[in-house]
Amino acid sequence: MILVDTSVWIDYFNGKDNLETDILDKALGNETVAIGDLILIEILQGFRADKQYNMAKELLEPLQKFEMLGLDIAVKTADNYRKLRKKGITIRKTADVIIATYCIENNIPLLFTDQDFIPFVKHLGLQPVALKI
């Protein structure tokens, strides 16, 4: 199973060809692809046209979905944010800290293009599906 971040889905729905969208395309037919509730929100709110919105909802419907934020993950997310801050690293989006923490705590590899996840790989044990540093 892999969890796919919004950054990859945006590229995928925009027809961008890169390593991560190729991995996603292959994974959709061959292994369990998962998304979190936060990722689902970020993906769907980005569509302006109803046709593309409905197409995306249909494509995402069969994927495994996780509720990513509970009280335990909330505290661990704050802990991880603070650990990175102590190293002089500030993550811009709280949603990225939640997603990374959820994957770390549940031992789920994350497919991403957003470079904000790199510190989680380097310092906190996030498993990347593909990594270009």
N, C-alpha and C. Protein backbone atom coordinates (compact mmCIF):
# COMPACT_ATOMS: atom_id res chain seq x y z
N MET A 1 0.84 -1.18 0.00
CA MET A 1 0.00 0.00 0.00
C MET A 1 0.89 1.24 0.00
N ILE A 2 0.43 2.24 -0.74
CA ILE A 2 1.07 3.55 -0.71
C ILE A 2 0.00 4.61 -0.49
N LEU A 3 0.38 5.67 0.18
CA LEU A 3 -0.50 6.82 0.34
C LEU A 3 0.02 7.89 -0.61
N VAL A 4 -0.88 8.51 -1.35
CA VAL A 4 -0.48 9.47 -2.38
C VAL A 4 -0.89 10.88 -1.95
N ASP A 5 0.09 11.76 -1.89
CA ASP A 5 -0.14 13.14 -1.47
C ASP A 5 -0.81 13.96 -2.58
N THR A 6 -1.44 15.03 -2.16
CA THR A 6 -2.11 15.96 -3.07
C THR A 6 -1.18 16.45 -4.18
N SER A 7 0.07 16.68 -3.86
CA SER A 7 1.02 17.20 -4.86
C SER A 7 1.11 16.30 -6.08
N VAL A 8 1.03 14.99 -5.87
CA VAL A 8 1.08 14.04 -6.99
C VAL A 8 -0.26 14.01 -7.72
N TRP A 9 -1.35 14.02 -6.96
CA TRP A 9 -2.67 14.01 -7.59
C TRP A 9 -2.89 15.24 -8.48
N ILE A 10 -2.42 16.39 -8.04
CA ILE A 10 -2.56 17.60 -8.86
C ILE A 10 -1.84 17.42 -10.19
N ASP A 11 -0.60 16.93 -10.12
CA ASP A 11 0.14 16.66 -11.36
C ASP A 11 -0.60 15.63 -12.22
N TYR A 12 -1.12 14.59 -11.58
CA TYR A 12 -1.81 13.51 -12.29
C TYR A 12 -3.04 14.04 -13.02
N PHE A 13 -3.88 14.79 -12.33
CA PHE A 13 -5.10 15.32 -12.94
C PHE A 13 -4.80 16.40 -13.98
N ASN A 14 -3.65 17.04 -13.87
CA ASN A 14 -3.25 18.05 -14.87
C ASN A 14 -2.49 17.45 -16.04
N GLY A 15 -2.34 16.13 -16.04
CA GLY A 15 -1.68 15.45 -17.15
C GLY A 15 -0.17 15.61 -17.18
N LYS A 16 0.42 16.00 -16.07
CA LYS A 16 1.87 16.18 -16.01
C LYS A 16 2.54 14.81 -15.94
N ASP A 17 3.57 14.63 -16.75
CA ASP A 17 4.29 13.37 -16.79
C ASP A 17 5.59 13.51 -16.00
N ASN A 18 5.67 12.81 -14.87
CA ASN A 18 6.90 12.79 -14.08
C ASN A 18 7.00 11.42 -13.40
N LEU A 19 8.08 11.20 -12.69
CA LEU A 19 8.30 9.92 -12.03
C LEU A 19 7.13 9.55 -11.12
N GLU A 20 6.66 10.52 -10.35
CA GLU A 20 5.61 10.25 -9.37
C GLU A 20 4.27 9.93 -10.03
N THR A 21 3.92 10.64 -11.10
CA THR A 21 2.65 10.33 -11.77
C THR A 21 2.74 8.98 -12.49
N ASP A 22 3.92 8.63 -12.98
CA ASP A 22 4.11 7.31 -13.58
C ASP A 22 3.92 6.21 -12.53
N ILE A 23 4.50 6.42 -11.36
CA ILE A 23 4.35 5.45 -10.27
C ILE A 23 2.88 5.33 -9.88
N LEU A 24 2.19 6.46 -9.75
CA LEU A 24 0.77 6.44 -9.40
C LEU A 24 -0.03 5.71 -10.46
N ASP A 25 0.21 6.01 -11.72
CA ASP A 25 -0.53 5.38 -12.81
C ASP A 25 -0.39 3.86 -12.76
N LYS A 26 0.83 3.38 -12.53
CA LYS A 26 1.07 1.94 -12.44
C LYS A 26 0.43 1.35 -11.18
N ALA A 27 0.52 2.07 -10.08
CA ALA A 27 -0.01 1.58 -8.81
C ALA A 27 -1.53 1.46 -8.82
N LEU A 28 -2.21 2.33 -9.54
CA LEU A 28 -3.67 2.31 -9.55
C LEU A 28 -4.23 0.98 -10.01
N GLY A 29 -3.51 0.27 -10.87
CA GLY A 29 -4.01 -1.02 -11.32
C GLY A 29 -3.39 -2.21 -10.63
N ASN A 30 -2.35 -1.97 -9.82
CA ASN A 30 -1.59 -3.11 -9.32
C ASN A 30 -1.47 -3.23 -7.80
N GLU A 31 -1.73 -2.18 -7.07
CA GLU A 31 -1.59 -2.26 -5.61
C GLU A 31 -2.58 -1.32 -4.95
N THR A 32 -2.64 -1.41 -3.63
CA THR A 32 -3.56 -0.56 -2.90
C THR A 32 -3.03 0.86 -2.85
N VAL A 33 -3.83 1.77 -3.38
CA VAL A 33 -3.52 3.19 -3.33
C VAL A 33 -4.48 3.82 -2.33
N ALA A 34 -3.92 4.59 -1.41
CA ALA A 34 -4.74 5.19 -0.36
C ALA A 34 -4.59 6.70 -0.37
N ILE A 35 -5.61 7.36 0.18
CA ILE A 35 -5.55 8.80 0.42
C ILE A 35 -6.15 9.05 1.80
N GLY A 36 -5.81 10.19 2.35
CA GLY A 36 -6.39 10.58 3.62
C GLY A 36 -7.48 11.61 3.40
N ASP A 37 -8.28 11.80 4.43
CA ASP A 37 -9.37 12.76 4.33
C ASP A 37 -8.87 14.17 4.00
N LEU A 38 -7.74 14.56 4.58
CA LEU A 38 -7.18 15.89 4.27
C LEU A 38 -6.77 15.99 2.80
N ILE A 39 -6.21 14.92 2.29
CA ILE A 39 -5.79 14.88 0.89
C ILE A 39 -7.01 14.95 -0.02
N LEU A 40 -8.06 14.22 0.34
CA LEU A 40 -9.30 14.24 -0.44
C LEU A 40 -9.86 15.66 -0.52
N ILE A 41 -9.87 16.35 0.60
CA ILE A 41 -10.34 17.75 0.61
C ILE A 41 -9.50 18.60 -0.33
N GLU A 42 -8.17 18.51 -0.18
CA GLU A 42 -7.28 19.34 -0.99
C GLU A 42 -7.46 19.07 -2.49
N ILE A 43 -7.63 17.81 -2.84
CA ILE A 43 -7.81 17.46 -4.26
C ILE A 43 -9.11 18.04 -4.79
N LEU A 44 -10.21 17.70 -4.13
CA LEU A 44 -11.53 18.06 -4.66
C LEU A 44 -11.80 19.56 -4.65
N GLN A 45 -11.28 20.28 -3.67
CA GLN A 45 -11.55 21.72 -3.63
C GLN A 45 -10.83 22.47 -4.74
N GLY A 46 -9.87 21.81 -5.38
CA GLY A 46 -9.11 22.46 -6.45
C GLY A 46 -9.78 22.49 -7.81
N PHE A 47 -10.87 21.74 -7.96
CA PHE A 47 -11.53 21.70 -9.27
C PHE A 47 -12.56 22.81 -9.39
N ARG A 48 -12.47 23.56 -10.48
CA ARG A 48 -13.43 24.64 -10.72
C ARG A 48 -14.66 24.12 -11.46
N ALA A 49 -14.43 23.28 -12.46
CA ALA A 49 -15.53 22.79 -13.30
C ALA A 49 -16.17 21.55 -12.69
N ASP A 50 -17.49 21.49 -12.74
CA ASP A 50 -18.22 20.35 -12.20
C ASP A 50 -17.83 19.04 -12.87
N LYS A 51 -17.59 19.08 -14.17
CA LYS A 51 -17.25 17.85 -14.90
C LYS A 51 -15.97 17.23 -14.36
N GLN A 52 -14.93 18.03 -14.19
CA GLN A 52 -13.66 17.51 -13.67
C GLN A 52 -13.80 17.10 -12.20
N TYR A 53 -14.56 17.86 -11.44
CA TYR A 53 -14.81 17.54 -10.04
C TYR A 53 -15.45 16.16 -9.92
N ASN A 54 -16.50 15.93 -10.71
CA ASN A 54 -17.21 14.65 -10.67
C ASN A 54 -16.35 13.51 -11.18
N MET A 55 -15.53 13.77 -12.20
CA MET A 55 -14.61 12.75 -12.72
C MET A 55 -13.61 12.35 -11.63
N ALA A 56 -13.08 13.34 -10.92
CA ALA A 56 -12.11 13.06 -9.86
C ALA A 56 -12.77 12.28 -8.72
N LYS A 57 -13.97 12.68 -8.32
CA LYS A 57 -14.68 11.95 -7.26
C LYS A 57 -14.87 10.49 -7.64
N GLU A 58 -15.22 10.25 -8.90
CA GLU A 58 -15.43 8.88 -9.38
C GLU A 58 -14.13 8.08 -9.35
N LEU A 59 -13.04 8.70 -9.78
CA LEU A 59 -11.75 8.01 -9.78
C LEU A 59 -11.27 7.72 -8.36
N LEU A 60 -11.51 8.63 -7.44
CA LEU A 60 -11.03 8.49 -6.07
C LEU A 60 -11.92 7.59 -5.21
N GLU A 61 -13.14 7.38 -5.62
CA GLU A 61 -14.11 6.62 -4.82
C GLU A 61 -13.61 5.24 -4.38
N PRO A 62 -13.05 4.43 -5.28
CA PRO A 62 -12.66 3.07 -4.85
C PRO A 62 -11.37 3.00 -4.01
N LEU A 63 -10.65 4.09 -3.89
CA LEU A 63 -9.39 4.07 -3.15
C LEU A 63 -9.64 3.88 -1.65
N GLN A 64 -8.67 3.27 -0.99
CA GLN A 64 -8.74 3.17 0.46
C GLN A 64 -8.56 4.57 1.04
N LYS A 65 -9.39 4.89 2.02
CA LYS A 65 -9.35 6.23 2.62
C LYS A 65 -9.15 6.12 4.13
N PHE A 66 -8.36 7.06 4.65
CA PHE A 66 -8.09 7.09 6.08
C PHE A 66 -8.52 8.43 6.67
N GLU A 67 -9.06 8.37 7.88
CA GLU A 67 -9.26 9.58 8.67
C GLU A 67 -7.94 9.84 9.36
N MET A 68 -7.28 10.91 8.99
CA MET A 68 -5.90 11.11 9.39
C MET A 68 -5.70 11.79 10.73
N LEU A 69 -6.64 12.55 11.20
CA LEU A 69 -6.40 13.34 12.40
C LEU A 69 -7.33 12.92 13.53
N GLY A 70 -6.74 12.34 14.54
CA GLY A 70 -7.41 12.06 15.80
C GLY A 70 -6.58 12.71 16.89
N LEU A 71 -6.97 12.52 18.13
CA LEU A 71 -6.25 13.17 19.23
C LEU A 71 -4.81 12.69 19.33
N ASP A 72 -4.57 11.40 19.15
CA ASP A 72 -3.22 10.85 19.24
C ASP A 72 -2.32 11.42 18.15
N ILE A 73 -2.83 11.43 16.91
CA ILE A 73 -2.04 11.97 15.79
C ILE A 73 -1.85 13.48 15.95
N ALA A 74 -2.84 14.16 16.52
CA ALA A 74 -2.71 15.61 16.73
C ALA A 74 -1.51 15.92 17.61
N VAL A 75 -1.35 15.18 18.69
CA VAL A 75 -0.22 15.41 19.60
C VAL A 75 1.09 15.02 18.92
N LYS A 76 1.10 13.89 18.23
CA LYS A 76 2.32 13.45 17.55
C LYS A 76 2.70 14.41 16.42
N THR A 77 1.69 15.00 15.78
CA THR A 77 1.95 16.00 14.74
C THR A 77 2.64 17.23 15.34
N ALA A 78 2.13 17.68 16.47
CA ALA A 78 2.76 18.82 17.15
C ALA A 78 4.19 18.47 17.57
N ASP A 79 4.38 17.25 18.07
CA ASP A 79 5.73 16.80 18.45
C ASP A 79 6.68 16.84 17.26
N ASN A 80 6.22 16.32 16.12
CA ASN A 80 7.07 16.29 14.92
C ASN A 80 7.37 17.69 14.41
N TYR A 81 6.38 18.56 14.42
CA TYR A 81 6.61 19.95 14.02
C TYR A 81 7.69 20.58 14.90
N ARG A 82 7.58 20.36 16.21
CA ARG A 82 8.54 20.93 17.15
C ARG A 82 9.94 20.34 16.96
N LYS A 83 10.02 19.04 16.69
CA LYS A 83 11.33 18.40 16.45
C LYS A 83 12.02 19.05 15.26
N LEU A 84 11.26 19.30 14.20
CA LEU A 84 11.86 19.92 13.01
C LEU A 84 12.22 21.38 13.29
N ARG A 85 11.38 22.09 14.02
CA ARG A 85 11.68 23.50 14.37
C ARG A 85 12.98 23.60 15.15
N LYS A 86 13.21 22.64 16.04
CA LYS A 86 14.45 22.63 16.83
C LYS A 86 15.67 22.43 15.95
N LYS A 87 15.46 21.85 14.77
CA LYS A 87 16.54 21.67 13.80
C LYS A 87 16.62 22.85 12.83
N GLY A 88 15.79 23.86 13.06
CA GLY A 88 15.79 25.04 12.21
C GLY A 88 14.95 24.89 10.95
N ILE A 89 14.06 23.90 10.94
CA ILE A 89 13.22 23.63 9.77
C ILE A 89 11.77 23.99 10.10
N THR A 90 11.18 24.83 9.28
CA THR A 90 9.78 25.20 9.46
C THR A 90 8.98 24.66 8.28
N ILE A 91 8.00 23.84 8.58
CA ILE A 91 7.10 23.31 7.54
C ILE A 91 5.97 24.31 7.37
N ARG A 92 5.71 24.69 6.11
CA ARG A 92 4.76 25.76 5.81
C ARG A 92 3.31 25.40 6.08
N LYS A 93 2.94 24.15 5.82
CA LYS A 93 1.53 23.78 5.90
C LYS A 93 1.31 22.71 6.97
N THR A 94 0.41 23.00 7.89
CA THR A 94 0.08 22.04 8.94
C THR A 94 -0.42 20.74 8.35
N ALA A 95 -1.17 20.81 7.26
CA ALA A 95 -1.69 19.58 6.63
C ALA A 95 -0.55 18.64 6.25
N ASP A 96 0.58 19.18 5.78
CA ASP A 96 1.72 18.33 5.43
C ASP A 96 2.30 17.64 6.65
N VAL A 97 2.32 18.33 7.78
CA VAL A 97 2.83 17.73 9.01
C VAL A 97 1.91 16.60 9.46
N ILE A 98 0.61 16.81 9.33
CA ILE A 98 -0.37 15.77 9.68
C ILE A 98 -0.19 14.55 8.77
N ILE A 99 -0.11 14.78 7.47
CA ILE A 99 0.03 13.68 6.51
C ILE A 99 1.31 12.89 6.78
N ALA A 100 2.42 13.58 6.93
CA ALA A 100 3.69 12.90 7.19
C ALA A 100 3.64 12.11 8.49
N THR A 101 3.10 12.72 9.53
CA THR A 101 3.02 12.05 10.83
C THR A 101 2.14 10.81 10.75
N TYR A 102 1.01 10.92 10.06
CA TYR A 102 0.13 9.77 9.90
C TYR A 102 0.87 8.62 9.23
N CYS A 103 1.59 8.93 8.17
CA CYS A 103 2.34 7.89 7.45
C CYS A 103 3.44 7.29 8.32
N ILE A 104 4.16 8.12 9.05
CA ILE A 104 5.23 7.63 9.94
C ILE A 104 4.64 6.70 10.99
N GLU A 105 3.58 7.14 11.64
CA GLU A 105 2.99 6.36 12.74
C GLU A 105 2.36 5.05 12.27
N ASN A 106 1.90 5.02 11.03
CA ASN A 106 1.23 3.83 10.50
C ASN A 106 2.10 3.04 9.53
N ASN A 107 3.36 3.46 9.39
CA ASN A 107 4.33 2.75 8.55
C ASN A 107 3.83 2.60 7.11
N ILE A 108 3.31 3.70 6.56
CA ILE A 108 2.79 3.71 5.20
C ILE A 108 3.70 4.59 4.34
N PRO A 109 4.25 4.06 3.25
CA PRO A 109 5.07 4.88 2.35
C PRO A 109 4.23 5.98 1.70
N LEU A 110 4.84 7.15 1.53
CA LEU A 110 4.15 8.30 0.95
C LEU A 110 4.76 8.65 -0.41
N LEU A 111 3.90 8.80 -1.40
CA LEU A 111 4.30 9.27 -2.73
C LEU A 111 4.01 10.76 -2.79
N PHE A 112 5.04 11.56 -3.04
CA PHE A 112 4.88 13.01 -3.01
C PHE A 112 5.84 13.68 -3.98
N THR A 113 5.51 14.92 -4.34
CA THR A 113 6.46 15.79 -5.04
C THR A 113 6.77 17.03 -4.21
N ASP A 114 5.96 17.31 -3.22
CA ASP A 114 6.11 18.49 -2.35
C ASP A 114 7.37 18.34 -1.51
N GLN A 115 8.31 19.24 -1.69
CA GLN A 115 9.60 19.16 -1.00
C GLN A 115 9.50 19.37 0.51
N ASP A 116 8.36 19.83 1.01
CA ASP A 116 8.18 19.98 2.45
C ASP A 116 8.23 18.63 3.18
N PHE A 117 8.09 17.53 2.44
CA PHE A 117 8.15 16.21 3.08
C PHE A 117 9.58 15.71 3.27
N ILE A 118 10.54 16.29 2.57
CA ILE A 118 11.93 15.83 2.65
C ILE A 118 12.48 15.83 4.08
N PRO A 119 12.25 16.87 4.89
CA PRO A 119 12.75 16.82 6.27
C PRO A 119 12.18 15.65 7.09
N PHE A 120 10.96 15.25 6.77
CA PHE A 120 10.38 14.10 7.48
C PHE A 120 11.10 12.81 7.10
N VAL A 121 11.54 12.73 5.85
CA VAL A 121 12.32 11.58 5.40
C VAL A 121 13.69 11.59 6.07
N LYS A 122 14.35 12.73 6.02
CA LYS A 122 15.72 12.84 6.54
C LYS A 122 15.82 12.72 8.06
N HIS A 123 14.82 13.24 8.78
CA HIS A 123 14.96 13.36 10.23
C HIS A 123 13.97 12.54 11.06
N LEU A 124 12.85 12.12 10.45
CA LEU A 124 11.81 11.49 11.27
C LEU A 124 11.36 10.12 10.78
N GLY A 125 11.96 9.61 9.72
CA GLY A 125 11.68 8.24 9.31
C GLY A 125 10.53 8.04 8.34
N LEU A 126 10.05 9.11 7.71
CA LEU A 126 9.02 8.95 6.69
C LEU A 126 9.59 8.12 5.54
N GLN A 127 8.81 7.15 5.07
CA GLN A 127 9.24 6.30 3.96
C GLN A 127 8.74 6.90 2.65
N PRO A 128 9.63 7.35 1.79
CA PRO A 128 9.20 7.86 0.48
C PRO A 128 9.01 6.70 -0.49
N VAL A 129 8.04 6.83 -1.38
CA VAL A 129 7.89 5.84 -2.45
C VAL A 129 8.95 6.09 -3.50
N ALA A 130 9.16 7.35 -3.84
CA ALA A 130 10.21 7.75 -4.79
C ALA A 130 10.86 8.98 -4.20
N LEU A 131 12.16 9.10 -4.37
CA LEU A 131 12.83 10.24 -3.76
C LEU A 131 13.88 10.80 -4.68
N LYS A 132 13.73 12.11 -4.95
CA LYS A 132 14.72 12.85 -5.74
C LYS A 132 15.22 13.99 -4.86
N ILE A 133 16.42 13.88 -4.36
CA ILE A 133 16.97 14.94 -3.51
C ILE A 133 18.12 15.60 -4.25
